[in-house]
């Protein structure tokens, strides 16, 4: 969302349960195993940064792309991100590093 928030709602009452604030525009999110996974875009003096933040059972935030993240998803335990920077990236969680490490990348061409 352009207001930089993600809100969760109680479907039985229609009441808002939680509101999470980000330092950039939220473009994609999903829930997995009690974790909220959000792809968002920040911009500062060094340029544009596509970031992923995982909240819930684990709390991890990392820079995944050089532009807006349009998709975040999970398949067979692998985090998948796709970005305006024309890359699809696959990430494995490293328990020793405490974050996600890039396992594979596919570059897309506009041609």
PDB file of N, CA and C in Angstrom:
ATOM      1  N   UNK A   1       0.838  -1.179   0.000  1.00  0.00           N
ATOM      2  CA  UNK A   1       0.000   0.000   0.000  1.00  0.00           C
ATOM      3  C   UNK A   1       0.883   1.242   0.000  1.00  0.00           C
ATOM      4  N   UNK A   2       0.396   2.280  -0.607  1.00  0.00           N
ATOM      5  CA  UNK A   2       1.180   3.510  -0.662  1.00  0.00           C
ATOM      6  C   UNK A   2       1.267   4.208   0.684  1.00  0.00           C
ATOM      7  N   UNK A   3       0.363   3.867   1.625  1.00  0.00           N
ATOM      8  CA  UNK A   3       0.447   4.486   2.949  1.00  0.00           C
ATOM      9  C   UNK A   3       1.459   3.776   3.850  1.00  0.00           C
ATOM     10  N   UNK A   4       2.179   2.786   3.281  1.00  0.00           N
ATOM     11  CA  UNK A   4       3.291   2.101   3.952  1.00  0.00           C
ATOM     12  C   UNK A   4       2.847   1.222   5.114  1.00  0.00           C
ATOM     13  N   UNK A   5       1.638   0.696   5.032  1.00  0.00           N
ATOM     14  CA  UNK A   5       1.133  -0.146   6.113  1.00  0.00           C
ATOM     15  C   UNK A   5       0.638  -1.484   5.585  1.00  0.00           C
ATOM     16  N   UNK A   6       0.604  -2.457   6.497  1.00  0.00           N
ATOM     17  CA  UNK A   6      -0.101  -3.720   6.302  1.00  0.00           C
ATOM     18  C   UNK A   6      -1.001  -3.870   7.514  1.00  0.00           C
ATOM     19  N   UNK A   7      -2.256  -4.160   7.260  1.00  0.00           N
ATOM     20  CA  UNK A   7      -3.217  -4.334   8.354  1.00  0.00           C
ATOM     21  C   UNK A   7      -3.780  -5.737   8.309  1.00  0.00           C
ATOM     22  N   UNK A   8      -3.989  -6.325   9.488  1.00  0.00           N
ATOM     23  CA  UNK A   8      -4.645  -7.633   9.581  1.00  0.00           C
ATOM     24  C   UNK A   8      -6.002  -7.420  10.242  1.00  0.00           C
ATOM     25  N   UNK A   9      -6.977  -8.255   9.829  1.00  0.00           N
ATOM     26  CA  UNK A   9      -8.359  -8.078  10.252  1.00  0.00           C
ATOM     27  C   UNK A   9      -8.921  -9.374  10.798  1.00  0.00           C
ATOM     28  N   UNK A  10      -9.783  -9.266  11.787  1.00  0.00           N
ATOM     29  CA  UNK A  10     -10.546 -10.400  12.299  1.00  0.00           C
ATOM     30  C   UNK A  10     -11.755 -10.558  11.390  1.00  0.00           C
ATOM     31  N   UNK A  11     -11.801 -11.642  10.621  1.00  0.00           N
ATOM     32  CA  UNK A  11     -12.872 -11.817   9.644  1.00  0.00           C
ATOM     33  C   UNK A  11     -14.234 -12.034  10.278  1.00  0.00           C
ATOM     34  N   UNK A  12     -14.263 -12.531  11.503  1.00  0.00           N
ATOM     35  CA  UNK A  12     -15.564 -12.775  12.144  1.00  0.00           C
ATOM     36  C   UNK A  12     -16.195 -11.484  12.684  1.00  0.00           C
ATOM     37  N   UNK A  13     -15.354 -10.509  13.083  1.00  0.00           N
ATOM     38  CA  UNK A  13     -15.897  -9.268  13.649  1.00  0.00           C
ATOM     39  C   UNK A  13     -15.718  -8.060  12.738  1.00  0.00           C
ATOM     40  N   UNK A  14     -14.805  -8.173  11.769  1.00  0.00           N
ATOM     41  CA  UNK A  14     -14.506  -7.030  10.907  1.00  0.00           C
ATOM     42  C   UNK A  14     -13.601  -6.002  11.564  1.00  0.00           C
ATOM     43  N   UNK A  15     -13.102  -6.317  12.750  1.00  0.00           N
ATOM     44  CA  UNK A  15     -12.226  -5.403  13.487  1.00  0.00           C
ATOM     45  C   UNK A  15     -10.771  -5.572  13.036  1.00  0.00           C
ATOM     46  N   UNK A  16     -10.042  -4.423  12.996  1.00  0.00           N
ATOM     47  CA  UNK A  16      -8.623  -4.484  12.692  1.00  0.00           C
ATOM     48  C   UNK A  16      -7.889  -5.073  13.904  1.00  0.00           C
ATOM     49  N   UNK A  17      -7.016  -6.073  13.646  1.00  0.00           N
ATOM     50  CA  UNK A  17      -6.259  -6.705  14.724  1.00  0.00           C
ATOM     51  C   UNK A  17      -4.900  -6.044  14.914  1.00  0.00           C
ATOM     52  N   UNK A  18      -4.161  -5.864  13.819  1.00  0.00           N
ATOM     53  CA  UNK A  18      -2.810  -5.308  13.896  1.00  0.00           C
ATOM     54  C   UNK A  18      -2.580  -4.363  12.726  1.00  0.00           C
ATOM     55  N   UNK A  19      -1.643  -3.447  12.932  1.00  0.00           N
ATOM     56  CA  UNK A  19      -1.216  -2.547  11.869  1.00  0.00           C
ATOM     57  C   UNK A  19       0.308  -2.462  11.930  1.00  0.00           C
ATOM     58  N   UNK A  20       0.959  -2.742  10.821  1.00  0.00           N
ATOM     59  CA  UNK A  20       2.415  -2.740  10.745  1.00  0.00           C
ATOM     60  C   UNK A  20       2.847  -1.616   9.805  1.00  0.00           C
ATOM     61  N   UNK A  21       3.864  -0.861  10.213  1.00  0.00           N
ATOM     62  CA  UNK A  21       4.344   0.272   9.425  1.00  0.00           C
ATOM     63  C   UNK A  21       5.707  -0.058   8.825  1.00  0.00           C
ATOM     64  N   UNK A  22       5.925   0.398   7.591  1.00  0.00           N
ATOM     65  CA  UNK A  22       7.176   0.162   6.872  1.00  0.00           C
ATOM     66  C   UNK A  22       7.742   1.484   6.403  1.00  0.00           C
ATOM     67  N   UNK A  23       9.047   1.519   6.127  1.00  0.00           N
ATOM     68  CA  UNK A  23       9.670   2.758   5.672  1.00  0.00           C
ATOM     69  C   UNK A  23       9.665   2.861   4.151  1.00  0.00           C
ATOM     70  N   UNK A  24       8.669   2.237   3.521  1.00  0.00           N
ATOM     71  CA  UNK A  24       8.517   2.316   2.070  1.00  0.00           C
ATOM     72  C   UNK A  24       7.176   1.761   1.630  1.00  0.00           C
ATOM     73  N   UNK A  25       6.905   1.864   0.340  1.00  0.00           N
ATOM     74  CA  UNK A  25       5.650   1.412  -0.249  1.00  0.00           C
ATOM     75  C   UNK A  25       5.587  -0.105  -0.285  1.00  0.00           C
ATOM     76  N   UNK A  26       4.519  -0.670   0.270  1.00  0.00           N
ATOM     77  CA  UNK A  26       4.323  -2.125   0.298  1.00  0.00           C
ATOM     78  C   UNK A  26       3.687  -2.562  -1.012  1.00  0.00           C
ATOM     79  N   UNK A  27       4.339  -3.508  -1.711  1.00  0.00           N
ATOM     80  CA  UNK A  27       3.846  -3.965  -3.003  1.00  0.00           C
ATOM     81  C   UNK A  27       3.343  -5.405  -2.985  1.00  0.00           C
ATOM     82  N   UNK A  28       3.809  -6.219  -2.057  1.00  0.00           N
ATOM     83  CA  UNK A  28       3.448  -7.632  -2.055  1.00  0.00           C
ATOM     84  C   UNK A  28       3.603  -8.198  -0.649  1.00  0.00           C
ATOM     85  N   UNK A  29       2.729  -9.160  -0.291  1.00  0.00           N
ATOM     86  CA  UNK A  29       2.854  -9.808   1.008  1.00  0.00           C
ATOM     87  C   UNK A  29       2.094 -11.124   1.001  1.00  0.00           C
ATOM     88  N   UNK A  30       2.440 -11.997   1.947  1.00  0.00           N
ATOM     89  CA  UNK A  30       1.718 -13.243   2.165  1.00  0.00           C
ATOM     90  C   UNK A  30       1.998 -13.732   3.573  1.00  0.00           C
ATOM     91  N   UNK A  31       1.174 -14.681   4.025  1.00  0.00           N
ATOM     92  CA  UNK A  31       1.357 -15.314   5.336  1.00  0.00           C
ATOM     93  C   UNK A  31       1.842 -16.744   5.109  1.00  0.00           C
ATOM     94  N   UNK A  32       2.796 -17.188   5.940  1.00  0.00           N
ATOM     95  CA  UNK A  32       3.297 -18.553   5.860  1.00  0.00           C
ATOM     96  C   UNK A  32       3.716 -19.013   7.246  1.00  0.00           C
ATOM     97  N   UNK A  33       3.146 -20.095   7.710  1.00  0.00           N
ATOM     98  CA  UNK A  33       3.515 -20.680   9.003  1.00  0.00           C
ATOM     99  C   UNK A  33       3.549 -19.641  10.123  1.00  0.00           C
ATOM    100  N   UNK A  34       2.566 -18.758  10.157  1.00  0.00           N
ATOM    101  CA  UNK A  34       2.500 -17.745  11.203  1.00  0.00           C
ATOM    102  C   UNK A  34       3.406 -16.554  10.990  1.00  0.00           C
ATOM    103  N   UNK A  35       4.099 -16.498   9.871  1.00  0.00           N
ATOM    104  CA  UNK A  35       4.973 -15.373   9.549  1.00  0.00           C
ATOM    105  C   UNK A  35       4.318 -14.508   8.475  1.00  0.00           C
ATOM    106  N   UNK A  36       4.386 -13.196   8.653  1.00  0.00           N
ATOM    107  CA  UNK A  36       3.966 -12.239   7.646  1.00  0.00           C
ATOM    108  C   UNK A  36       5.199 -11.875   6.844  1.00  0.00           C
ATOM    109  N   UNK A  37       5.167 -12.085   5.524  1.00  0.00           N
ATOM    110  CA  UNK A  37       6.299 -11.805   4.644  1.00  0.00           C
ATOM    111  C   UNK A  37       5.896 -10.659   3.727  1.00  0.00           C
ATOM    112  N   UNK A  38       6.661  -9.561   3.767  1.00  0.00           N
ATOM    113  CA  UNK A  38       6.288  -8.342   3.061  1.00  0.00           C
ATOM    114  C   UNK A  38       7.427  -7.904   2.142  1.00  0.00           C
ATOM    115  N   UNK A  39       7.087  -7.563   0.896  1.00  0.00           N
ATOM    116  CA  UNK A  39       8.033  -6.960  -0.039  1.00  0.00           C
ATOM    117  C   UNK A  39       7.711  -5.483  -0.168  1.00  0.00           C
ATOM    118  N   UNK A  40       8.707  -4.612   0.023  1.00  0.00           N
ATOM    119  CA  UNK A  40       8.438  -3.181  -0.051  1.00  0.00           C
ATOM    120  C   UNK A  40       9.630  -2.434  -0.641  1.00  0.00           C
ATOM    121  N   UNK A  41       9.395  -1.185  -1.036  1.00  0.00           N
ATOM    122  CA  UNK A  41      10.401  -0.364  -1.690  1.00  0.00           C
ATOM    123  C   UNK A  41      10.744   0.827  -0.822  1.00  0.00           C
ATOM    124  N   UNK A  42      12.039   1.020  -0.575  1.00  0.00           N
ATOM    125  CA  UNK A  42      12.504   2.228   0.115  1.00  0.00           C
ATOM    126  C   UNK A  42      13.361   3.019  -0.858  1.00  0.00           C
ATOM    127  N   UNK A  43      13.514   4.300  -0.571  1.00  0.00           N
ATOM    128  CA  UNK A  43      14.358   5.144  -1.403  1.00  0.00           C
ATOM    129  C   UNK A  43      15.086   6.112  -0.496  1.00  0.00           C
ATOM    130  N   UNK A  44      16.413   6.187  -0.673  1.00  0.00           N
ATOM    131  CA  UNK A  44      17.206   7.110   0.133  1.00  0.00           C
ATOM    132  C   UNK A  44      18.286   7.714  -0.750  1.00  0.00           C
ATOM    133  N   UNK A  45      19.252   8.342  -0.156  1.00  0.00           N
ATOM    134  CA  UNK A  45      20.309   8.999  -0.910  1.00  0.00           C
ATOM    135  C   UNK A  45      21.172   8.056  -1.728  1.00  0.00           C
ATOM    136  N   UNK A  46      21.138   6.753  -1.397  1.00  0.00           N
ATOM    137  CA  UNK A  46      21.959   5.791  -2.142  1.00  0.00           C
ATOM    138  C   UNK A  46      21.172   5.101  -3.251  1.00  0.00           C
ATOM    139  N   UNK A  47      19.885   5.394  -3.387  1.00  0.00           N
ATOM    140  CA  UNK A  47      19.088   4.802  -4.457  1.00  0.00           C
ATOM    141  C   UNK A  47      17.870   4.070  -3.944  1.00  0.00           C
ATOM    142  N   UNK A  48      17.335   3.204  -4.799  1.00  0.00           N
ATOM    143  CA  UNK A  48      16.132   2.443  -4.491  1.00  0.00           C
ATOM    144  C   UNK A  48      16.529   1.073  -3.954  1.00  0.00           C
ATOM    145  N   UNK A  49      15.767   0.580  -2.968  1.00  0.00           N
ATOM    146  CA  UNK A  49      16.087  -0.696  -2.344  1.00  0.00           C
ATOM    147  C   UNK A  49      14.815  -1.518  -2.193  1.00  0.00           C
ATOM    148  N   UNK A  50      14.766  -2.682  -2.855  1.00  0.00           N
ATOM    149  CA  UNK A  50      13.662  -3.612  -2.674  1.00  0.00           C
ATOM    150  C   UNK A  50      13.975  -4.497  -1.482  1.00  0.00           C
ATOM    151  N   UNK A  51      13.178  -4.397  -0.425  1.00  0.00           N
ATOM    152  CA  UNK A  51      13.463  -5.124   0.809  1.00  0.00           C
ATOM    153  C   UNK A  51      12.369  -6.138   1.105  1.00  0.00           C
ATOM    154  N   UNK A  52      12.765  -7.174   1.844  1.00  0.00           N
ATOM    155  CA  UNK A  52      11.827  -8.177   2.343  1.00  0.00           C
ATOM    156  C   UNK A  52      11.919  -8.159   3.855  1.00  0.00           C
ATOM    157  N   UNK A  53      10.764  -8.174   4.508  1.00  0.00           N
ATOM    158  CA  UNK A  53      10.727  -8.260   5.964  1.00  0.00           C
ATOM    159  C   UNK A  53       9.827  -9.423   6.345  1.00  0.00           C
ATOM    160  N   UNK A  54      10.339 -10.293   7.228  1.00  0.00           N
ATOM    161  CA  UNK A  54       9.595 -11.441   7.743  1.00  0.00           C
ATOM    162  C   UNK A  54       9.333 -11.171   9.219  1.00  0.00           C
ATOM    163  N   UNK A  55       8.055 -11.259   9.611  1.00  0.00           N
ATOM    164  CA  UNK A  55       7.690 -11.001  11.003  1.00  0.00           C
ATOM    165  C   UNK A  55       6.805 -12.135  11.491  1.00  0.00           C
ATOM    166  N   UNK A  56       6.950 -12.475  12.733  1.00  0.00           N
ATOM    167  CA  UNK A  56       6.146 -13.544  13.329  1.00  0.00           C
ATOM    168  C   UNK A  56       7.050 -14.435  14.142  1.00  0.00           C
ATOM    169  N   UNK A  57       7.056 -15.737  13.806  1.00  0.00           N
ATOM    170  CA  UNK A  57       7.920 -16.688  14.490  1.00  0.00           C
ATOM    171  C   UNK A  57       9.384 -16.337  14.331  1.00  0.00           C
ATOM    172  N   UNK A  58       9.733 -15.722  13.194  1.00  0.00           N
ATOM    173  CA  UNK A  58      11.088 -15.235  12.974  1.00  0.00           C
ATOM    174  C   UNK A  58      10.993 -13.765  12.594  1.00  0.00           C
ATOM    175  N   UNK A  59      12.049 -13.027  12.813  1.00  0.00           N
ATOM    176  CA  UNK A  59      12.077 -11.614  12.435  1.00  0.00           C
ATOM    177  C   UNK A  59      13.350 -11.360  11.644  1.00  0.00           C
ATOM    178  N   UNK A  60      13.190 -11.190  10.333  1.00  0.00           N
ATOM    179  CA  UNK A  60      14.325 -11.020   9.426  1.00  0.00           C
ATOM    180  C   UNK A  60      13.972  -9.915   8.447  1.00  0.00           C
ATOM    181  N   UNK A  61      14.940  -9.063   8.148  1.00  0.00           N
ATOM    182  CA  UNK A  61      14.763  -8.051   7.109  1.00  0.00           C
ATOM    183  C   UNK A  61      16.041  -7.998   6.286  1.00  0.00           C
ATOM    184  N   UNK A  62      15.901  -7.981   4.961  1.00  0.00           N
ATOM    185  CA  UNK A  62      17.091  -7.944   4.116  1.00  0.00           C
ATOM    186  C   UNK A  62      16.778  -7.277   2.790  1.00  0.00           C
ATOM    187  N   UNK A  63      17.837  -6.737   2.157  1.00  0.00           N
ATOM    188  CA  UNK A  63      17.687  -6.142   0.829  1.00  0.00           C
ATOM    189  C   UNK A  63      17.749  -7.262  -0.199  1.00  0.00           C
ATOM    190  N   UNK A  64      16.708  -7.336  -1.029  1.00  0.00           N
ATOM    191  CA  UNK A  64      16.593  -8.432  -1.980  1.00  0.00           C
ATOM    192  C   UNK A  64      16.768  -7.989  -3.429  1.00  0.00           C
ATOM    193  N   UNK A  65      16.464  -6.739  -3.724  1.00  0.00           N
ATOM    194  CA  UNK A  65      16.496  -6.240  -5.105  1.00  0.00           C
ATOM    195  C   UNK A  65      16.889  -4.767  -5.124  1.00  0.00           C
ATOM    196  N   UNK A  66      17.173  -4.279  -6.324  1.00  0.00           N
ATOM    197  CA  UNK A  66      17.544  -2.869  -6.498  1.00  0.00           C
ATOM    198  C   UNK A  66      16.357  -2.011  -6.917  1.00  0.00           C
ATOM    199  N   UNK A  67      15.144  -2.599  -6.915  1.00  0.00           N
ATOM    200  CA  UNK A  67      13.945  -1.837  -7.255  1.00  0.00           C
ATOM    201  C   UNK A  67      12.752  -2.507  -6.580  1.00  0.00           C
ATOM    202  N   UNK A  68      11.564  -2.023  -6.867  1.00  0.00           N
ATOM    203  CA  UNK A  68      10.353  -2.503  -6.207  1.00  0.00           C
ATOM    204  C   UNK A  68      10.169  -4.003  -6.375  1.00  0.00           C
ATOM    205  N   UNK A  69       9.766  -4.658  -5.286  1.00  0.00           N
ATOM    206  CA  UNK A  69       9.436  -6.081  -5.309  1.00  0.00           C
ATOM    207  C   UNK A  69       7.961  -6.207  -5.628  1.00  0.00           C
ATOM    208  N   UNK A  70       7.652  -6.921  -6.708  1.00  0.00           N
ATOM    209  CA  UNK A  70       6.269  -7.076  -7.136  1.00  0.00           C
ATOM    210  C   UNK A  70       5.636  -8.362  -6.631  1.00  0.00           C
ATOM    211  N   UNK A  71       6.472  -9.320  -6.222  1.00  0.00           N
ATOM    212  CA  UNK A  71       5.957 -10.618  -5.780  1.00  0.00           C
ATOM    213  C   UNK A  71       6.863 -11.196  -4.718  1.00  0.00           C
ATOM    214  N   UNK A  72       6.269 -11.710  -3.655  1.00  0.00           N
ATOM    215  CA  UNK A  72       6.965 -12.565  -2.694  1.00  0.00           C
ATOM    216  C   UNK A  72       6.091 -13.790  -2.493  1.00  0.00           C
ATOM    217  N   UNK A  73       6.712 -14.959  -2.461  1.00  0.00           N
ATOM    218  CA  UNK A  73       5.980 -16.204  -2.273  1.00  0.00           C
ATOM    219  C   UNK A  73       6.895 -17.274  -1.718  1.00  0.00           C
ATOM    220  N   UNK A  74       6.326 -18.408  -1.412  1.00  0.00           N
ATOM    221  CA  UNK A  74       7.090 -19.516  -0.842  1.00  0.00           C
ATOM    222  C   UNK A  74       6.689 -20.786  -1.566  1.00  0.00           C
ATOM    223  N   UNK A  75       7.683 -21.597  -1.914  1.00  0.00           N
ATOM    224  CA  UNK A  75       7.441 -22.884  -2.545  1.00  0.00           C
ATOM    225  C   UNK A  75       8.452 -23.870  -1.995  1.00  0.00           C
ATOM    226  N   UNK A  76       7.957 -24.928  -1.374  1.00  0.00           N
ATOM    227  CA  UNK A  76       8.810 -25.988  -0.820  1.00  0.00           C
ATOM    228  C   UNK A  76       9.908 -25.422   0.082  1.00  0.00           C
ATOM    229  N   UNK A  77       9.551 -24.428   0.898  1.00  0.00           N
ATOM    230  CA  UNK A  77      10.506 -23.859   1.841  1.00  0.00           C
ATOM    231  C   UNK A  77      11.466 -22.852   1.249  1.00  0.00           C
ATOM    232  N   UNK A  78      11.318 -22.532  -0.029  1.00  0.00           N
ATOM    233  CA  UNK A  78      12.186 -21.556  -0.689  1.00  0.00           C
ATOM    234  C   UNK A  78      11.406 -20.266  -0.897  1.00  0.00           C
ATOM    235  N   UNK A  79      11.956 -19.147  -0.445  1.00  0.00           N
ATOM    236  CA  UNK A  79      11.355 -17.844  -0.645  1.00  0.00           C
ATOM    237  C   UNK A  79      11.653 -17.391  -2.068  1.00  0.00           C
ATOM    238  N   UNK A  80      10.641 -16.879  -2.757  1.00  0.00           N
ATOM    239  CA  UNK A  80      10.791 -16.418  -4.137  1.00  0.00           C
ATOM    240  C   UNK A  80      10.415 -14.945  -4.184  1.00  0.00           C
ATOM    241  N   UNK A  81      11.266 -14.132  -4.831  1.00  0.00           N
ATOM    242  CA  UNK A  81      10.964 -12.714  -5.020  1.00  0.00           C
ATOM    243  C   UNK A  81      11.115 -12.361  -6.490  1.00  0.00           C
ATOM    244  N   UNK A  82      10.265 -11.449  -6.961  1.00  0.00           N
ATOM    245  CA  UNK A  82      10.360 -10.943  -8.331  1.00  0.00           C
ATOM    246  C   UNK A  82      10.259  -9.427  -8.272  1.00  0.00           C
ATOM    247  N   UNK A  83      11.043  -8.754  -9.107  1.00  0.00           N
ATOM    248  CA  UNK A  83      11.170  -7.311  -8.982  1.00  0.00           C
ATOM    249  C   UNK A  83      11.125  -6.600 -10.329  1.00  0.00           C
ATOM    250  N   UNK A  84      10.860  -5.298 -10.247  1.00  0.00           N
ATOM    251  CA  UNK A  84      10.941  -4.414 -11.408  1.00  0.00           C
ATOM    252  C   UNK A  84      12.359  -4.423 -11.969  1.00  0.00           C
ATOM    253  N   UNK A  85      13.359  -4.805 -11.172  1.00  0.00           N
ATOM    254  CA  UNK A  85      14.739  -4.846 -11.665  1.00  0.00           C
ATOM    255  C   UNK A  85      14.987  -6.010 -12.629  1.00  0.00           C
ATOM    256  N   UNK A  86      13.912  -6.699 -13.017  1.00  0.00           N
ATOM    257  CA  UNK A  86      13.924  -7.786 -14.006  1.00  0.00           C
ATOM    258  C   UNK A  86      14.668  -9.024 -13.531  1.00  0.00           C
ATOM    259  N   UNK A  87      14.594  -9.301 -12.229  1.00  0.00           N
ATOM    260  CA  UNK A  87      15.186 -10.520 -11.677  1.00  0.00           C
ATOM    261  C   UNK A  87      14.171 -11.257 -10.818  1.00  0.00           C
ATOM    262  N   UNK A  88      14.201 -12.555 -10.932  1.00  0.00           N
ATOM    263  CA  UNK A  88      13.489 -13.442 -10.024  1.00  0.00           C
ATOM    264  C   UNK A  88      14.569 -14.110  -9.186  1.00  0.00           C
ATOM    265  N   UNK A  89      14.409 -14.057  -7.873  1.00  0.00           N
ATOM    266  CA  UNK A  89      15.428 -14.628  -6.995  1.00  0.00           C
ATOM    267  C   UNK A  89      14.808 -15.662  -6.066  1.00  0.00           C
ATOM    268  N   UNK A  90      15.604 -16.677  -5.768  1.00  0.00           N
ATOM    269  CA  UNK A  90      15.208 -17.774  -4.891  1.00  0.00           C
ATOM    270  C   UNK A  90      16.122 -17.729  -3.677  1.00  0.00           C
ATOM    271  N   UNK A  91      15.530 -17.826  -2.480  1.00  0.00           N
ATOM    272  CA  UNK A  91      16.273 -17.632  -1.236  1.00  0.00           C
ATOM    273  C   UNK A  91      16.070 -18.818  -0.300  1.00  0.00           C
ATOM    274  N   UNK A  92      17.164 -19.282   0.302  1.00  0.00           N
ATOM    275  CA  UNK A  92      17.119 -20.292   1.359  1.00  0.00           C
ATOM    276  C   UNK A  92      17.400 -19.601   2.683  1.00  0.00           C
ATOM    277  N   UNK A  93      16.728 -20.066   3.736  1.00  0.00           N
ATOM    278  CA  UNK A  93      17.017 -19.509   5.054  1.00  0.00           C
ATOM    279  C   UNK A  93      18.252 -20.178   5.623  1.00  0.00           C
ATOM    280  N   UNK A  94      19.198 -19.378   6.070  1.00  0.00           N
ATOM    281  CA  UNK A  94      20.418 -19.882   6.707  1.00  0.00           C
ATOM    282  C   UNK A  94      20.290 -19.669   8.207  1.00  0.00           C
ATOM    283  N   UNK A  95      20.166 -20.759   8.954  1.00  0.00           N
ATOM    284  CA  UNK A  95      20.039 -20.631  10.408  1.00  0.00           C
ATOM    285  C   UNK A  95      21.338 -20.137  11.036  1.00  0.00           C
ATOM    286  N   UNK A  96      22.472 -20.416  10.417  1.00  0.00           N
ATOM    287  CA  UNK A  96      23.743 -19.937  10.970  1.00  0.00           C
ATOM    288  C   UNK A  96      23.879 -18.423  10.791  1.00  0.00           C
ATOM    289  N   UNK A  97      23.455 -17.908   9.638  1.00  0.00           N
ATOM    290  CA  UNK A  97      23.530 -16.462   9.388  1.00  0.00           C
ATOM    291  C   UNK A  97      22.310 -15.733   9.954  1.00  0.00           C
ATOM    292  N   UNK A  98      21.223 -16.471  10.185  1.00  0.00           N
ATOM    293  CA  UNK A  98      20.007 -15.851  10.704  1.00  0.00           C
ATOM    294  C   UNK A  98      19.249 -15.030   9.688  1.00  0.00           C
ATOM    295  N   UNK A  99      19.477 -15.285   8.418  1.00  0.00           N
ATOM    296  CA  UNK A  99      18.794 -14.544   7.362  1.00  0.00           C
ATOM    297  C   UNK A  99      18.662 -15.415   6.124  1.00  0.00           C
ATOM    298  N   UNK A 100      18.082 -14.862   5.076  1.00  0.00           N
ATOM    299  CA  UNK A 100      17.951 -15.581   3.817  1.00  0.00           C
ATOM    300  C   UNK A 100      19.162 -15.314   2.947  1.00  0.00           C
ATOM    301  N   UNK A 101      19.638 -16.361   2.277  1.00  0.00           N
ATOM    302  CA  UNK A 101      20.763 -16.237   1.353  1.00  0.00           C
ATOM    303  C   UNK A 101      20.302 -16.623  -0.035  1.00  0.00           C
ATOM    304  N   UNK A 102      20.767 -15.871  -1.039  1.00  0.00           N
ATOM    305  CA  UNK A 102      20.351 -16.113  -2.414  1.00  0.00           C
ATOM    306  C   UNK A 102      20.850 -17.469  -2.888  1.00  0.00           C
ATOM    307  N   UNK A 103      19.920 -18.297  -3.364  1.00  0.00           N
ATOM    308  CA  UNK A 103      20.263 -19.623  -3.856  1.00  0.00           C
ATOM    309  C   UNK A 103      20.357 -19.646  -5.374  1.00  0.00           C
ATOM    310  N   UNK A 104      19.521 -18.821  -6.015  1.00  0.00           N
ATOM    311  CA  UNK A 104      19.486 -18.821  -7.480  1.00  0.00           C
ATOM    312  C   UNK A 104      18.879 -17.515  -7.943  1.00  0.00           C
ATOM    313  N   UNK A 105      19.212 -17.134  -9.186  1.00  0.00           N
ATOM    314  CA  UNK A 105      18.669 -15.914  -9.769  1.00  0.00           C
ATOM    315  C   UNK A 105      18.389 -16.147 -11.251  1.00  0.00           C
ATOM    316  N   UNK A 106      17.280 -15.620 -11.700  1.00  0.00           N
ATOM    317  CA  UNK A 106      16.939 -15.663 -13.116  1.00  0.00           C
ATOM    318  C   UNK A 106      16.783 -14.217 -13.581  1.00  0.00           C
ATOM    319  N   UNK A 107      17.572 -13.825 -14.561  1.00  0.00           N
ATOM    320  CA  UNK A 107      17.464 -12.482 -15.121  1.00  0.00           C
ATOM    321  C   UNK A 107      16.544 -12.498 -16.321  1.00  0.00           C
ATOM    322  N   UNK A 108      15.677 -11.522 -16.392  1.00  0.00           N
ATOM    323  CA  UNK A 108      14.729 -11.417 -17.498  1.00  0.00           C
ATOM    324  C   UNK A 108      15.142 -10.282 -18.400  1.00  0.00           C
ATOM    325  N   UNK A 109      14.930 -10.464 -19.672  1.00  0.00           N
ATOM    326  CA  UNK A 109      15.259  -9.437 -20.645  1.00  0.00           C
ATOM    327  C   UNK A 109      13.983  -8.842 -21.205  1.00  0.00           C
ATOM    328  N   UNK A 110      13.978  -7.559 -21.474  1.00  0.00           N
ATOM    329  CA  UNK A 110      12.798  -6.911 -22.050  1.00  0.00           C
ATOM    330  C   UNK A 110      12.715  -7.152 -23.544  1.00  0.00           C
ATOM    331  N   UNK A 111      13.685  -7.824 -24.118  1.00  0.00           N
ATOM    332  CA  UNK A 111      13.686  -8.099 -25.567  1.00  0.00           C
ATOM    333  C   UNK A 111      12.947  -9.356 -25.886  1.00  0.00           C
TER     334      UNK A 111
END
